[in-house]
Amino acid sequence: MSRLLDEVVSRESLEYVRRMAYLAEYRKPGIKSHLDRIRGYCSIIGRGLSLSSQQIEMVSIASQLHDIGEIGVPEGILAKTGNLSAEEWDLVKRHPIFGAEILRGRTHQSCKLVRSLP
């Protein structure tokens, strides 16, 4: 019974991470393919680094949250087609800080992993 519960919790946690990632990227066209590419790159790099399959999976899951901090950047800046001003660029560069704040206190391993990255 415990194994079944662990599997259900694991699936629900994974779905939670996927939904957070989709929310962060919602305003961007073609987001599913972007998230799939990032996940694939992480798997390739993980194998190249001889990570265990469990480590590769965790990094791949965590990679889905790489831009969650963009929620803190105004849409007008993210959607801008021309060059960004220095102030706008400074705000875009802060999106990892916003992401760390969003993930602070979360207990899922992938959230902890994302927060620990430099």
Protein backbone atom coordinates (compact mmCIF):
# COMPACT_ATOMS: atom_id res chain seq x y z
CA MET A 1 0.00 0.00 0.00
CA SER A 2 2.81 2.42 0.83
CA ARG A 3 4.38 1.89 -2.60
CA LEU A 4 1.09 2.74 -4.31
CA LEU A 5 0.75 5.88 -2.18
CA ASP A 6 4.32 6.88 -3.02
CA GLU A 7 3.58 6.46 -6.74
CA VAL A 8 0.41 8.57 -6.50
CA VAL A 9 2.21 11.31 -4.56
CA SER A 10 5.09 11.21 -7.03
CA ARG A 11 2.74 11.58 -10.01
CA GLU A 12 0.89 14.42 -8.32
CA SER A 13 4.15 16.17 -7.46
CA LEU A 14 5.33 15.85 -11.04
CA GLU A 15 2.03 17.26 -12.28
CA TYR A 16 2.42 20.16 -9.83
CA VAL A 17 5.88 20.97 -11.23
CA ARG A 18 4.61 20.73 -14.81
CA ARG A 19 1.71 23.06 -14.10
CA MET A 20 4.00 25.59 -12.41
CA ALA A 21 6.31 25.46 -15.43
CA TYR A 22 3.44 25.91 -17.84
CA LEU A 23 2.11 28.83 -15.80
CA ALA A 24 5.51 30.51 -15.90
CA GLU A 25 5.73 30.11 -19.66
CA TYR A 26 2.03 30.57 -20.48
CA ARG A 27 2.49 33.84 -22.37
CA LYS A 28 5.02 32.37 -24.76
CA PRO A 29 4.03 30.63 -28.01
CA GLY A 30 5.34 27.11 -28.54
CA ILE A 31 6.05 26.60 -24.86
CA LYS A 32 5.50 22.84 -24.77
CA SER A 33 8.20 22.25 -27.36
CA HIS A 34 10.53 24.64 -25.51
CA LEU A 35 10.06 22.81 -22.20
CA ASP A 36 10.48 19.43 -23.93
CA ARG A 37 13.74 20.61 -25.55
CA ILE A 38 15.13 21.88 -22.23
CA ARG A 39 14.22 18.60 -20.55
CA GLY A 40 15.92 16.66 -23.36
CA TYR A 41 19.08 18.76 -23.13
CA CYS A 42 19.25 18.13 -19.40
CA SER A 43 18.95 14.38 -19.96
CA ILE A 44 21.76 14.44 -22.53
CA ILE A 45 24.02 16.52 -20.29
CA GLY A 46 23.19 14.32 -17.28
CA ARG A 47 24.17 11.18 -19.17
CA GLY A 48 27.36 12.90 -20.32
CA LEU A 49 28.16 13.67 -16.68
CA SER A 50 27.46 10.03 -15.73
CA LEU A 51 24.63 10.99 -13.38
CA SER A 52 22.38 8.22 -12.12
CA SER A 53 19.01 7.79 -13.81
CA GLN A 54 17.35 9.18 -10.68
CA GLN A 55 19.60 12.28 -10.74
CA ILE A 56 18.94 12.78 -14.45
CA GLU A 57 15.20 12.59 -13.88
CA MET A 58 15.37 15.09 -11.01
CA VAL A 59 17.44 17.57 -13.05
CA SER A 60 15.09 17.11 -16.01
CA ILE A 61 12.05 17.81 -13.84
CA ALA A 62 13.70 20.80 -12.18
CA SER A 63 14.66 22.21 -15.58
CA GLN A 64 11.00 22.76 -16.31
CA LEU A 65 11.02 25.55 -13.71
CA HIS A 66 14.01 27.39 -15.15
CA ASP A 67 12.01 30.48 -16.13
CA ILE A 68 9.39 30.53 -13.37
CA GLY A 69 10.75 33.89 -12.19
CA GLU A 70 9.60 35.51 -15.42
CA ILE A 71 6.24 35.82 -13.68
CA GLY A 72 7.85 38.79 -11.91
CA VAL A 73 8.78 40.52 -15.17
CA PRO A 74 6.10 42.71 -16.79
CA GLU A 75 4.64 41.18 -19.93
CA GLY A 76 5.42 44.33 -21.92
CA ILE A 77 9.12 43.72 -21.34
CA LEU A 78 8.97 40.00 -22.15
CA ALA A 79 6.98 40.61 -25.32
CA LYS A 80 9.01 43.58 -26.50
CA THR A 81 10.32 43.08 -30.03
CA GLY A 82 12.90 45.87 -29.99
CA ASN A 83 15.97 46.33 -27.87
CA LEU A 84 15.48 46.47 -24.12
CA SER A 85 16.55 49.53 -22.18
CA ALA A 86 19.23 49.06 -19.52
CA GLU A 87 16.55 49.14 -16.82
CA GLU A 88 14.41 46.58 -18.65
CA TRP A 89 17.39 44.27 -19.16
CA ASP A 90 18.27 44.56 -15.47
CA LEU A 91 14.74 43.45 -14.61
CA VAL A 92 14.88 40.48 -17.00
CA LYS A 93 18.22 39.43 -15.48
CA ARG A 94 16.52 39.34 -12.07
CA HIS A 95 14.09 36.61 -13.09
CA PRO A 96 16.19 33.86 -11.41
CA ILE A 97 15.94 35.81 -8.14
CA PHE A 98 12.17 36.08 -8.54
CA GLY A 99 12.09 32.33 -9.24
CA ALA A 100 14.05 31.54 -6.09
CA GLU A 101 11.58 33.64 -4.09
CA ILE A 102 8.63 31.81 -5.64
CA LEU A 103 10.15 28.40 -4.83
CA ARG A 104 11.29 29.30 -1.30
CA GLY A 105 9.75 26.94 1.24
CA ARG A 106 8.61 24.35 -1.30
CA THR A 107 9.44 20.80 -0.28
CA HIS A 108 9.46 19.00 -3.64
CA GLN A 109 13.01 17.89 -4.47
CA SER A 110 12.93 19.59 -7.86
CA CYS A 111 12.07 22.94 -6.26
CA LYS A 112 14.92 22.52 -3.80
CA LEU A 113 17.28 21.67 -6.66
CA VAL A 114 16.28 24.73 -8.71
CA ARG A 115 16.74 27.01 -5.67
CA SER A 116 20.23 25.61 -5.05
CA LEU A 117 21.57 26.46 -8.50
CA PRO A 118 23.88 29.48 -8.78
